[in-house]
């Protein structure tokens, strides 16, 4: 599979862009475990144009994580085009346009999934960004705004006509947010539309190796994007790749191996940011990781772990845990 001139292996796995999750430390770790492409956190076009320092820091990418996409969101065509030019200076492999974020502070202001209620503006933004940069432009969106406006089959053709190089589809409407099951049948409809020639990337509820393989085999997508299932578990990509290769589940990592990965992620986040911000950035992963599942009476310790604001304190808590039955704990 190729996106423009970027080649990928058979059944490629992409790390979904996620705010407060896909910082460089996590992206590099997912890459290490087999992710074929990674995405930055969401980057506000308006903030980028205003040279907001915290937003500019999100443009930092590293050769070891390539291919990497910088994802932008905004609601005004000219601002998005200007932001794309700025982002291109960081030399990503791809500029990705976020037309799928459902949260109120984004969609409610007419950006992200909010543009599913203004398709002409979405298409104008897409066309202007494609013309503004020399690198491939891709789009990530949803099935539609709500159950009464599942327009993705027609919209996919329109976005392709704007010149995008690939399309990622989350199998929910904006109204669904992240509730109920993702509907992959409509993703399959887009992929099987004979007019579509660009790669189609499927996203939504891909939480196990078996499900990832099923999405490729049943719906014919060109790539599968993994989001929330990777939080606190970057080795999920290795599990999926192993299943693709041999058709069986990978032997689970040991409890100590999993702890070591979480600790390394924290250290890397601190290196890219600083101690305080690195720890804060890792909390989402600590809250979601399966590493500590099965440990009795863990709730209070979990709270203390998430309140830790120094590396020594956090690692002291993590290192105090041993696998209670000397077996593997994983999901």
C-alpha atoms as a PDB file:
ATOM      1  CA  UNK A   1       0.000   0.000   0.000  1.00  0.00           C
ATOM      2  CA  UNK A   2       1.182   3.503  -0.820  1.00  0.00           C
ATOM      3  CA  UNK A   3       0.107   6.963   0.240  1.00  0.00           C
ATOM      4  CA  UNK A   4       1.482   9.128  -2.527  1.00  0.00           C
ATOM      5  CA  UNK A   5       5.142   8.045  -2.683  1.00  0.00           C
ATOM      6  CA  UNK A   6       5.230   6.576   0.853  1.00  0.00           C
ATOM      7  CA  UNK A   7       5.309   2.784   0.836  1.00  0.00           C
ATOM      8  CA  UNK A   8       3.899   0.623   3.628  1.00  0.00           C
ATOM      9  CA  UNK A   9       4.062  -3.113   4.318  1.00  0.00           C
ATOM     10  CA  UNK A  10       1.117  -5.446   3.961  1.00  0.00           C
ATOM     11  CA  UNK A  11      -1.633  -4.753   6.514  1.00  0.00           C
ATOM     12  CA  UNK A  12      -0.166  -1.533   7.901  1.00  0.00           C
ATOM     13  CA  UNK A  13      -1.107  -0.310  11.365  1.00  0.00           C
ATOM     14  CA  UNK A  14      -1.342   3.408  12.136  1.00  0.00           C
ATOM     15  CA  UNK A  15      -1.307   5.111  15.520  1.00  0.00           C
ATOM     16  CA  UNK A  16      -4.312   7.444  15.662  1.00  0.00           C
ATOM     17  CA  UNK A  17      -3.780  11.123  16.510  1.00  0.00           C
ATOM     18  CA  UNK A  18      -4.928  11.745  20.091  1.00  0.00           C
ATOM     19  CA  UNK A  19      -4.739  14.929  22.114  1.00  0.00           C
ATOM     20  CA  UNK A  20      -2.625  14.624  25.275  1.00  0.00           C
ATOM     21  CA  UNK A  21      -1.571  11.146  24.147  1.00  0.00           C
ATOM     22  CA  UNK A  22       0.503  11.056  20.963  1.00  0.00           C
ATOM     23  CA  UNK A  23       3.495  13.100  22.087  1.00  0.00           C
ATOM     24  CA  UNK A  24       6.936  12.208  20.654  1.00  0.00           C
ATOM     25  CA  UNK A  25       7.769   9.788  23.484  1.00  0.00           C
ATOM     26  CA  UNK A  26       4.649   7.719  22.901  1.00  0.00           C
ATOM     27  CA  UNK A  27       4.915   7.891  19.125  1.00  0.00           C
ATOM     28  CA  UNK A  28       8.483   6.586  19.206  1.00  0.00           C
ATOM     29  CA  UNK A  29       7.510   3.778  21.554  1.00  0.00           C
ATOM     30  CA  UNK A  30       4.627   2.718  19.307  1.00  0.00           C
ATOM     31  CA  UNK A  31       6.994   2.847  16.350  1.00  0.00           C
ATOM     32  CA  UNK A  32       9.375   0.562  18.221  1.00  0.00           C
ATOM     33  CA  UNK A  33       6.569  -1.961  18.684  1.00  0.00           C
ATOM     34  CA  UNK A  34       5.492  -1.959  15.052  1.00  0.00           C
ATOM     35  CA  UNK A  35       3.267   1.034  14.253  1.00  0.00           C
ATOM     36  CA  UNK A  36       3.786   1.785  10.557  1.00  0.00           C
ATOM     37  CA  UNK A  37       2.770   5.444  10.750  1.00  0.00           C
ATOM     38  CA  UNK A  38       2.179   7.814  13.630  1.00  0.00           C
ATOM     39  CA  UNK A  39       0.381  11.144  13.995  1.00  0.00           C
ATOM     40  CA  UNK A  40       0.997  14.155  16.193  1.00  0.00           C
ATOM     41  CA  UNK A  41      -1.531  15.464  18.654  1.00  0.00           C
ATOM     42  CA  UNK A  42      -4.157  17.833  17.255  1.00  0.00           C
ATOM     43  CA  UNK A  43      -2.641  21.195  16.313  1.00  0.00           C
ATOM     44  CA  UNK A  44      -4.821  24.291  16.201  1.00  0.00           C
ATOM     45  CA  UNK A  45      -4.352  26.246  12.979  1.00  0.00           C
ATOM     46  CA  UNK A  46      -5.263  29.498  14.698  1.00  0.00           C
ATOM     47  CA  UNK A  47      -2.775  28.941  17.526  1.00  0.00           C
ATOM     48  CA  UNK A  48      -0.047  27.969  15.084  1.00  0.00           C
ATOM     49  CA  UNK A  49      -0.521  31.142  13.069  1.00  0.00           C
ATOM     50  CA  UNK A  50      -0.352  33.178  16.279  1.00  0.00           C
ATOM     51  CA  UNK A  51       2.949  31.461  17.164  1.00  0.00           C
ATOM     52  CA  UNK A  52       1.659  30.071  20.453  1.00  0.00           C
ATOM     53  CA  UNK A  53       4.726  28.397  21.938  1.00  0.00           C
ATOM     54  CA  UNK A  54       2.959  25.334  23.328  1.00  0.00           C
ATOM     55  CA  UNK A  55       1.355  24.711  19.945  1.00  0.00           C
ATOM     56  CA  UNK A  56       4.638  25.161  18.076  1.00  0.00           C
ATOM     57  CA  UNK A  57       6.207  22.520  20.322  1.00  0.00           C
ATOM     58  CA  UNK A  58       3.770  19.981  18.917  1.00  0.00           C
ATOM     59  CA  UNK A  59       5.506  20.369  15.546  1.00  0.00           C
ATOM     60  CA  UNK A  60       8.620  18.642  16.882  1.00  0.00           C
ATOM     61  CA  UNK A  61       9.126  15.381  15.001  1.00  0.00           C
ATOM     62  CA  UNK A  62      12.070  13.002  14.816  1.00  0.00           C
ATOM     63  CA  UNK A  63      13.550  10.863  12.060  1.00  0.00           C
ATOM     64  CA  UNK A  64      13.088   7.668  14.087  1.00  0.00           C
ATOM     65  CA  UNK A  65       9.305   8.036  13.990  1.00  0.00           C
ATOM     66  CA  UNK A  66       8.929   8.466  10.219  1.00  0.00           C
ATOM     67  CA  UNK A  67       6.658   8.289   8.408  1.00  0.00           C
ATOM     68  CA  UNK A  68       4.843  10.806  10.590  1.00  0.00           C
ATOM     69  CA  UNK A  69       1.850  13.053   9.941  1.00  0.00           C
ATOM     70  CA  UNK A  70       1.169  16.447  11.493  1.00  0.00           C
ATOM     71  CA  UNK A  71      -2.558  16.817  12.108  1.00  0.00           C
ATOM     72  CA  UNK A  72      -4.215  20.238  11.916  1.00  0.00           C
ATOM     73  CA  UNK A  73      -7.677  21.424  12.869  1.00  0.00           C
ATOM     74  CA  UNK A  74      -9.486  24.685  12.274  1.00  0.00           C
ATOM     75  CA  UNK A  75     -12.567  26.147  10.644  1.00  0.00           C
ATOM     76  CA  UNK A  76     -11.297  28.828   8.243  1.00  0.00           C
ATOM     77  CA  UNK A  77      -9.841  27.883   4.847  1.00  0.00           C
ATOM     78  CA  UNK A  78      -7.137  30.565   4.690  1.00  0.00           C
ATOM     79  CA  UNK A  79      -6.012  29.918   8.259  1.00  0.00           C
ATOM     80  CA  UNK A  80      -5.769  26.195   7.604  1.00  0.00           C
ATOM     81  CA  UNK A  81      -3.750  26.788   4.448  1.00  0.00           C
ATOM     82  CA  UNK A  82      -1.381  29.144   6.279  1.00  0.00           C
ATOM     83  CA  UNK A  83      -0.997  26.666   9.143  1.00  0.00           C
ATOM     84  CA  UNK A  84      -0.255  23.881   6.676  1.00  0.00           C
ATOM     85  CA  UNK A  85       2.570  25.920   5.179  1.00  0.00           C
ATOM     86  CA  UNK A  86       4.024  26.477   8.644  1.00  0.00           C
ATOM     87  CA  UNK A  87       3.672  22.793   9.523  1.00  0.00           C
ATOM     88  CA  UNK A  88       5.358  21.787   6.274  1.00  0.00           C
ATOM     89  CA  UNK A  89       8.509  23.566   7.417  1.00  0.00           C
ATOM     90  CA  UNK A  90       8.881  20.878  10.113  1.00  0.00           C
ATOM     91  CA  UNK A  91       9.227  18.371   7.261  1.00  0.00           C
ATOM     92  CA  UNK A  92       6.528  15.840   8.151  1.00  0.00           C
ATOM     93  CA  UNK A  93       5.746  13.159   5.610  1.00  0.00           C
ATOM     94  CA  UNK A  94       2.055  14.076   5.551  1.00  0.00           C
ATOM     95  CA  UNK A  95      -0.297  16.899   6.552  1.00  0.00           C
ATOM     96  CA  UNK A  96      -3.504  15.423   7.972  1.00  0.00           C
ATOM     97  CA  UNK A  97      -6.733  17.389   8.339  1.00  0.00           C
ATOM     98  CA  UNK A  98      -8.889  16.714  11.386  1.00  0.00           C
ATOM     99  CA  UNK A  99     -12.548  16.675  10.380  1.00  0.00           C
ATOM    100  CA  UNK A 100     -13.490  14.125  13.019  1.00  0.00           C
ATOM    101  CA  UNK A 101     -12.803  15.400  16.543  1.00  0.00           C
ATOM    102  CA  UNK A 102     -16.205  15.318  18.314  1.00  0.00           C
ATOM    103  CA  UNK A 103     -15.454  17.215  21.520  1.00  0.00           C
ATOM    104  CA  UNK A 104     -17.528  20.318  22.158  1.00  0.00           C
ATOM    105  CA  UNK A 105     -14.653  22.800  22.353  1.00  0.00           C
ATOM    106  CA  UNK A 106     -13.620  21.793  18.815  1.00  0.00           C
ATOM    107  CA  UNK A 107     -16.750  20.594  16.991  1.00  0.00           C
ATOM    108  CA  UNK A 108     -18.960  23.125  18.753  1.00  0.00           C
ATOM    109  CA  UNK A 109     -16.892  25.922  17.241  1.00  0.00           C
ATOM    110  CA  UNK A 110     -17.204  24.592  13.720  1.00  0.00           C
ATOM    111  CA  UNK A 111     -13.882  22.749  13.503  1.00  0.00           C
ATOM    112  CA  UNK A 112     -13.137  19.024  13.615  1.00  0.00           C
ATOM    113  CA  UNK A 113     -16.360  17.049  13.252  1.00  0.00           C
ATOM    114  CA  UNK A 114     -18.243  20.345  13.284  1.00  0.00           C
ATOM    115  CA  UNK A 115     -17.385  20.669   9.610  1.00  0.00           C
ATOM    116  CA  UNK A 116     -19.632  17.682   8.906  1.00  0.00           C
ATOM    117  CA  UNK A 117     -22.422  20.269   9.154  1.00  0.00           C
ATOM    118  CA  UNK A 118     -20.752  22.526   6.582  1.00  0.00           C
ATOM    119  CA  UNK A 119     -19.486  20.300   3.778  1.00  0.00           C
ATOM    120  CA  UNK A 120     -18.803  23.154   1.316  1.00  0.00           C
ATOM    121  CA  UNK A 121     -16.425  24.737   3.834  1.00  0.00           C
ATOM    122  CA  UNK A 122     -14.800  21.367   4.561  1.00  0.00           C
ATOM    123  CA  UNK A 123     -14.136  20.900   0.854  1.00  0.00           C
ATOM    124  CA  UNK A 124     -12.853  24.460   0.505  1.00  0.00           C
ATOM    125  CA  UNK A 125     -10.423  23.916   3.378  1.00  0.00           C
ATOM    126  CA  UNK A 126      -9.245  20.645   1.853  1.00  0.00           C
ATOM    127  CA  UNK A 127      -8.672  22.140  -1.598  1.00  0.00           C
ATOM    128  CA  UNK A 128      -6.797  25.148  -0.236  1.00  0.00           C
ATOM    129  CA  UNK A 129      -4.499  23.025   1.935  1.00  0.00           C
ATOM    130  CA  UNK A 130      -3.752  20.606  -0.908  1.00  0.00           C
ATOM    131  CA  UNK A 131      -2.735  23.564  -3.078  1.00  0.00           C
ATOM    132  CA  UNK A 132      -0.768  25.235  -0.268  1.00  0.00           C
ATOM    133  CA  UNK A 133       1.770  22.448   0.366  1.00  0.00           C
ATOM    134  CA  UNK A 134       3.980  20.143  -1.657  1.00  0.00           C
ATOM    135  CA  UNK A 135       3.634  17.062   0.557  1.00  0.00           C
ATOM    136  CA  UNK A 136       0.659  14.667   0.622  1.00  0.00           C
ATOM    137  CA  UNK A 137      -2.501  15.803   2.409  1.00  0.00           C
ATOM    138  CA  UNK A 138      -4.830  13.298   4.062  1.00  0.00           C
ATOM    139  CA  UNK A 139      -8.117  13.590   5.948  1.00  0.00           C
ATOM    140  CA  UNK A 140      -9.576  11.920   9.023  1.00  0.00           C
ATOM    141  CA  UNK A 141     -13.337  12.196   9.505  1.00  0.00           C
ATOM    142  CA  UNK A 142     -16.470  10.355  10.650  1.00  0.00           C
ATOM    143  CA  UNK A 143     -19.532   8.780   9.052  1.00  0.00           C
ATOM    144  CA  UNK A 144     -21.523  12.001   9.394  1.00  0.00           C
ATOM    145  CA  UNK A 145     -22.908  14.349  12.014  1.00  0.00           C
ATOM    146  CA  UNK A 146     -25.700  12.041  13.251  1.00  0.00           C
ATOM    147  CA  UNK A 147     -27.737   8.999  12.249  1.00  0.00           C
ATOM    148  CA  UNK A 148     -29.802  11.093   9.848  1.00  0.00           C
ATOM    149  CA  UNK A 149     -26.759  12.359   7.959  1.00  0.00           C
ATOM    150  CA  UNK A 150     -24.391   9.474   7.350  1.00  0.00           C
ATOM    151  CA  UNK A 151     -22.853  10.989   4.258  1.00  0.00           C
ATOM    152  CA  UNK A 152     -19.428   9.378   4.219  1.00  0.00           C
ATOM    153  CA  UNK A 153     -19.800   7.471   0.921  1.00  0.00           C
ATOM    154  CA  UNK A 154     -20.549  10.630  -1.058  1.00  0.00           C
ATOM    155  CA  UNK A 155     -18.213  12.758   1.057  1.00  0.00           C
ATOM    156  CA  UNK A 156     -15.300  10.405   0.409  1.00  0.00           C
ATOM    157  CA  UNK A 157     -15.643  10.973  -3.327  1.00  0.00           C
ATOM    158  CA  UNK A 158     -15.774  14.734  -2.828  1.00  0.00           C
ATOM    159  CA  UNK A 159     -12.662  14.752  -0.647  1.00  0.00           C
ATOM    160  CA  UNK A 160     -10.848  12.589  -3.180  1.00  0.00           C
ATOM    161  CA  UNK A 161     -11.761  15.088  -5.875  1.00  0.00           C
ATOM    162  CA  UNK A 162     -10.098  17.800  -3.752  1.00  0.00           C
ATOM    163  CA  UNK A 163      -6.795  15.980  -4.157  1.00  0.00           C
ATOM    164  CA  UNK A 164      -6.227  14.191  -0.863  1.00  0.00           C
ATOM    165  CA  UNK A 165      -3.851  11.228  -0.854  1.00  0.00           C
ATOM    166  CA  UNK A 166      -5.723   9.017   1.649  1.00  0.00           C
ATOM    167  CA  UNK A 167      -8.814   9.040   3.845  1.00  0.00           C
ATOM    168  CA  UNK A 168      -9.176   7.739   7.411  1.00  0.00           C
ATOM    169  CA  UNK A 169     -12.717   7.052   8.607  1.00  0.00           C
ATOM    170  CA  UNK A 170     -13.830   6.612  12.201  1.00  0.00           C
ATOM    171  CA  UNK A 171     -16.885   4.368  12.156  1.00  0.00           C
ATOM    172  CA  UNK A 172     -19.123   6.604  14.265  1.00  0.00           C
ATOM    173  CA  UNK A 173     -21.059   9.815  13.800  1.00  0.00           C
ATOM    174  CA  UNK A 174     -20.208  12.927  15.760  1.00  0.00           C
ATOM    175  CA  UNK A 175     -23.370  12.476  17.841  1.00  0.00           C
ATOM    176  CA  UNK A 176     -22.159   9.059  18.956  1.00  0.00           C
ATOM    177  CA  UNK A 177     -18.912  10.525  20.275  1.00  0.00           C
ATOM    178  CA  UNK A 178     -17.133   7.303  21.387  1.00  0.00           C
ATOM    179  CA  UNK A 179     -20.266   5.438  22.505  1.00  0.00           C
ATOM    180  CA  UNK A 180     -21.859   2.308  21.021  1.00  0.00           C
ATOM    181  CA  UNK A 181     -20.017   0.168  18.485  1.00  0.00           C
ATOM    182  CA  UNK A 182     -18.152   1.565  15.519  1.00  0.00           C
ATOM    183  CA  UNK A 183     -19.927   0.793  12.232  1.00  0.00           C
ATOM    184  CA  UNK A 184     -17.373  -0.663   9.864  1.00  0.00           C
ATOM    185  CA  UNK A 185     -19.950  -1.558   7.206  1.00  0.00           C
ATOM    186  CA  UNK A 186     -19.957   2.006   5.903  1.00  0.00           C
ATOM    187  CA  UNK A 187     -16.159   2.087   5.928  1.00  0.00           C
ATOM    188  CA  UNK A 188     -16.336  -1.034   3.771  1.00  0.00           C
ATOM    189  CA  UNK A 189     -18.820   0.688   1.451  1.00  0.00           C
ATOM    190  CA  UNK A 190     -16.365   3.516   0.873  1.00  0.00           C
ATOM    191  CA  UNK A 191     -13.516   1.084   0.210  1.00  0.00           C
ATOM    192  CA  UNK A 192     -15.629  -0.959  -2.204  1.00  0.00           C
ATOM    193  CA  UNK A 193     -16.856   2.094  -4.113  1.00  0.00           C
ATOM    194  CA  UNK A 194     -15.263   1.618  -7.537  1.00  0.00           C
ATOM    195  CA  UNK A 195     -14.768   5.341  -7.921  1.00  0.00           C
ATOM    196  CA  UNK A 196     -12.440   5.467  -4.927  1.00  0.00           C
ATOM    197  CA  UNK A 197      -8.775   5.069  -5.819  1.00  0.00           C
ATOM    198  CA  UNK A 198      -7.041   6.511  -2.752  1.00  0.00           C
ATOM    199  CA  UNK A 199      -6.210   4.326   0.278  1.00  0.00           C
ATOM    200  CA  UNK A 200      -8.942   3.974   2.906  1.00  0.00           C
ATOM    201  CA  UNK A 201      -7.899   3.694   6.539  1.00  0.00           C
ATOM    202  CA  UNK A 202     -10.397   2.226   9.001  1.00  0.00           C
ATOM    203  CA  UNK A 203     -10.644   3.344  12.623  1.00  0.00           C
ATOM    204  CA  UNK A 204     -12.839   2.520  15.603  1.00  0.00           C
ATOM    205  CA  UNK A 205     -12.911  -0.214  18.269  1.00  0.00           C
ATOM    206  CA  UNK A 206      -9.830  -2.042  17.016  1.00  0.00           C
ATOM    207  CA  UNK A 207      -8.795  -3.412  20.390  1.00  0.00           C
ATOM    208  CA  UNK A 208      -7.419  -6.912  19.706  1.00  0.00           C
ATOM    209  CA  UNK A 209      -5.180  -8.600  17.141  1.00  0.00           C
ATOM    210  CA  UNK A 210      -8.086 -10.744  15.964  1.00  0.00           C
ATOM    211  CA  UNK A 211     -10.270  -7.692  15.389  1.00  0.00           C
ATOM    212  CA  UNK A 212      -7.496  -5.924  13.473  1.00  0.00           C
ATOM    213  CA  UNK A 213      -7.110  -8.908  11.157  1.00  0.00           C
ATOM    214  CA  UNK A 214     -10.889  -9.133  10.724  1.00  0.00           C
ATOM    215  CA  UNK A 215     -11.077  -5.466   9.673  1.00  0.00           C
ATOM    216  CA  UNK A 216      -8.564  -6.075   6.903  1.00  0.00           C
ATOM    217  CA  UNK A 217     -10.134  -9.323   5.745  1.00  0.00           C
ATOM    218  CA  UNK A 218     -13.828  -8.407   5.985  1.00  0.00           C
ATOM    219  CA  UNK A 219     -13.831  -4.767   4.927  1.00  0.00           C
ATOM    220  CA  UNK A 220     -10.822  -4.641   2.621  1.00  0.00           C
ATOM    221  CA  UNK A 221      -9.338  -1.464   4.078  1.00  0.00           C
ATOM    222  CA  UNK A 222      -5.811  -0.497   3.129  1.00  0.00           C
ATOM    223  CA  UNK A 223      -4.724   0.261   6.699  1.00  0.00           C
ATOM    224  CA  UNK A 224      -6.122   0.019  10.221  1.00  0.00           C
ATOM    225  CA  UNK A 225      -5.776   2.859  12.696  1.00  0.00           C
ATOM    226  CA  UNK A 226      -5.480   2.035  16.398  1.00  0.00           C
ATOM    227  CA  UNK A 227      -6.419   4.678  18.940  1.00  0.00           C
ATOM    228  CA  UNK A 228      -7.618   4.233  22.510  1.00  0.00           C
ATOM    229  CA  UNK A 229      -6.511   0.590  22.714  1.00  0.00           C
ATOM    230  CA  UNK A 230      -2.893   1.734  22.477  1.00  0.00           C
ATOM    231  CA  UNK A 231      -3.084   4.087  25.470  1.00  0.00           C
ATOM    232  CA  UNK A 232      -0.947   2.552  28.191  1.00  0.00           C
ATOM    233  CA  UNK A 233      -0.262  -0.404  25.920  1.00  0.00           C
ATOM    234  CA  UNK A 234       2.046   0.537  23.044  1.00  0.00           C
ATOM    235  CA  UNK A 235       2.991  -3.117  22.577  1.00  0.00           C
ATOM    236  CA  UNK A 236      -0.462  -3.773  21.114  1.00  0.00           C
ATOM    237  CA  UNK A 237       1.087  -3.163  17.688  1.00  0.00           C
ATOM    238  CA  UNK A 238       3.551  -6.005  18.246  1.00  0.00           C
ATOM    239  CA  UNK A 239       0.680  -8.282  19.284  1.00  0.00           C
ATOM    240  CA  UNK A 240      -1.237  -7.426  16.128  1.00  0.00           C
ATOM    241  CA  UNK A 241       1.757  -7.895  13.834  1.00  0.00           C
ATOM    242  CA  UNK A 242       2.472 -11.282  15.403  1.00  0.00           C
ATOM    243  CA  UNK A 243      -1.116 -12.378  14.820  1.00  0.00           C
ATOM    244  CA  UNK A 244      -0.945 -11.267  11.188  1.00  0.00           C
ATOM    245  CA  UNK A 245       2.256 -13.254  10.677  1.00  0.00           C
ATOM    246  CA  UNK A 246       1.427 -16.554  12.387  1.00  0.00           C
ATOM    247  CA  UNK A 247      -2.307 -16.490  13.128  1.00  0.00           C
ATOM    248  CA  UNK A 248      -1.938 -16.996  16.874  1.00  0.00           C
ATOM    249  CA  UNK A 249      -1.707 -14.708  19.883  1.00  0.00           C
ATOM    250  CA  UNK A 250       1.739 -13.511  20.897  1.00  0.00           C
ATOM    251  CA  UNK A 251       3.065 -14.740  24.223  1.00  0.00           C
ATOM    252  CA  UNK A 252       2.196 -11.968  26.675  1.00  0.00           C
ATOM    253  CA  UNK A 253       4.895  -9.712  28.022  1.00  0.00           C
ATOM    254  CA  UNK A 254       5.782 -10.389  31.623  1.00  0.00           C
ATOM    255  CA  UNK A 255       4.607  -8.112  34.385  1.00  0.00           C
ATOM    256  CA  UNK A 256       8.123  -6.738  34.806  1.00  0.00           C
ATOM    257  CA  UNK A 257       8.513  -6.146  31.067  1.00  0.00           C
ATOM    258  CA  UNK A 258       5.292  -4.162  30.980  1.00  0.00           C
ATOM    259  CA  UNK A 259       6.324  -2.092  33.993  1.00  0.00           C
ATOM    260  CA  UNK A 260       9.659  -1.352  32.329  1.00  0.00           C
ATOM    261  CA  UNK A 261       7.911  -0.082  29.195  1.00  0.00           C
ATOM    262  CA  UNK A 262       5.683   2.273  31.177  1.00  0.00           C
ATOM    263  CA  UNK A 263       8.712   3.561  33.096  1.00  0.00           C
ATOM    264  CA  UNK A 264      10.672   4.088  29.884  1.00  0.00           C
ATOM    265  CA  UNK A 265       7.786   6.024  28.381  1.00  0.00           C
ATOM    266  CA  UNK A 266       7.779   8.302  31.411  1.00  0.00           C
ATOM    267  CA  UNK A 267      11.529   8.878  31.162  1.00  0.00           C
ATOM    268  CA  UNK A 268      11.262   9.646  27.450  1.00  0.00           C
ATOM    269  CA  UNK A 269       8.376  12.073  28.007  1.00  0.00           C
ATOM    270  CA  UNK A 270      10.452  13.893  30.621  1.00  0.00           C
ATOM    271  CA  UNK A 271      13.373  14.069  28.206  1.00  0.00           C
ATOM    272  CA  UNK A 272      11.228  15.652  25.487  1.00  0.00           C
ATOM    273  CA  UNK A 273       9.384  17.994  27.870  1.00  0.00           C
ATOM    274  CA  UNK A 274      10.496  18.359  31.501  1.00  0.00           C
ATOM    275  CA  UNK A 275       9.854  16.424  34.709  1.00  0.00           C
ATOM    276  CA  UNK A 276       6.539  17.997  35.593  1.00  0.00           C
ATOM    277  CA  UNK A 277       5.011  18.074  32.109  1.00  0.00           C
ATOM    278  CA  UNK A 278       6.434  14.670  31.227  1.00  0.00           C
ATOM    279  CA  UNK A 279       4.760  13.083  34.236  1.00  0.00           C
ATOM    280  CA  UNK A 280       1.485  14.862  33.499  1.00  0.00           C
ATOM    281  CA  UNK A 281       1.597  13.620  29.922  1.00  0.00           C
ATOM    282  CA  UNK A 282       2.117  10.061  31.128  1.00  0.00           C
ATOM    283  CA  UNK A 283      -0.827  10.056  33.554  1.00  0.00           C
ATOM    284  CA  UNK A 284      -3.356   9.221  30.848  1.00  0.00           C
ATOM    285  CA  UNK A 285      -1.348   6.101  30.062  1.00  0.00           C
ATOM    286  CA  UNK A 286      -0.927   5.161  33.722  1.00  0.00           C
ATOM    287  CA  UNK A 287      -4.683   5.469  34.212  1.00  0.00           C
ATOM    288  CA  UNK A 288      -5.440   3.234  31.214  1.00  0.00           C
ATOM    289  CA  UNK A 289      -2.623   0.688  31.230  1.00  0.00           C
ATOM    290  CA  UNK A 290      -3.509  -2.980  31.793  1.00  0.00           C
ATOM    291  CA  UNK A 291      -0.218  -3.502  33.628  1.00  0.00           C
ATOM    292  CA  UNK A 292      -1.718  -3.230  37.087  1.00  0.00           C
ATOM    293  CA  UNK A 293      -5.030  -4.979  36.434  1.00  0.00           C
ATOM    294  CA  UNK A 294      -5.631  -7.803  38.849  1.00  0.00           C
ATOM    295  CA  UNK A 295      -3.711  -6.302  41.747  1.00  0.00           C
ATOM    296  CA  UNK A 296      -5.946  -6.390  44.841  1.00  0.00           C
ATOM    297  CA  UNK A 297      -6.996  -3.128  46.531  1.00  0.00           C
ATOM    298  CA  UNK A 298      -5.282  -1.058  43.883  1.00  0.00           C
ATOM    299  CA  UNK A 299      -7.638   1.937  43.831  1.00  0.00           C
ATOM    300  CA  UNK A 300      -5.957   4.064  46.497  1.00  0.00           C
ATOM    301  CA  UNK A 301      -2.500   3.358  45.165  1.00  0.00           C
ATOM    302  CA  UNK A 302      -3.670   4.202  41.656  1.00  0.00           C
ATOM    303  CA  UNK A 303      -4.869   7.579  42.889  1.00  0.00           C
ATOM    304  CA  UNK A 304      -1.525   8.214  44.592  1.00  0.00           C
ATOM    305  CA  UNK A 305       0.310   7.213  41.403  1.00  0.00           C
ATOM    306  CA  UNK A 306      -1.704   9.674  39.323  1.00  0.00           C
ATOM    307  CA  UNK A 307      -1.067  12.448  41.840  1.00  0.00           C
ATOM    308  CA  UNK A 308       2.693  11.947  41.870  1.00  0.00           C
ATOM    309  CA  UNK A 309       4.529  14.991  40.598  1.00  0.00           C
ATOM    310  CA  UNK A 310       8.149  13.824  40.841  1.00  0.00           C
ATOM    311  CA  UNK A 311       9.869  10.956  39.058  1.00  0.00           C
ATOM    312  CA  UNK A 312      11.267   9.492  42.274  1.00  0.00           C
ATOM    313  CA  UNK A 313       7.849   9.373  43.897  1.00  0.00           C
ATOM    314  CA  UNK A 314       6.169   7.863  40.824  1.00  0.00           C
ATOM    315  CA  UNK A 315       8.815   5.184  40.309  1.00  0.00           C
ATOM    316  CA  UNK A 316       8.795   4.316  44.021  1.00  0.00           C
ATOM    317  CA  UNK A 317       5.091   3.529  43.731  1.00  0.00           C
ATOM    318  CA  UNK A 318       5.473   1.574  40.482  1.00  0.00           C
ATOM    319  CA  UNK A 319       8.465  -0.406  41.764  1.00  0.00           C
ATOM    320  CA  UNK A 320       6.548  -1.427  44.875  1.00  0.00           C
ATOM    321  CA  UNK A 321       4.322  -3.670  42.781  1.00  0.00           C
ATOM    322  CA  UNK A 322       5.160  -7.248  42.064  1.00  0.00           C
ATOM    323  CA  UNK A 323       3.028  -9.652  40.121  1.00  0.00           C
ATOM    324  CA  UNK A 324       0.960 -11.187  42.925  1.00  0.00           C
ATOM    325  CA  UNK A 325       0.791 -14.676  41.451  1.00  0.00           C
ATOM    326  CA  UNK A 326       3.942 -14.613  39.297  1.00  0.00           C
ATOM    327  CA  UNK A 327       1.818 -14.927  36.185  1.00  0.00           C
ATOM    328  CA  UNK A 328       1.413 -12.570  33.281  1.00  0.00           C
ATOM    329  CA  UNK A 329      -1.129  -9.762  33.653  1.00  0.00           C
ATOM    330  CA  UNK A 330      -2.214  -8.353  30.337  1.00  0.00           C
ATOM    331  CA  UNK A 331      -5.152  -7.541  28.171  1.00  0.00           C
END
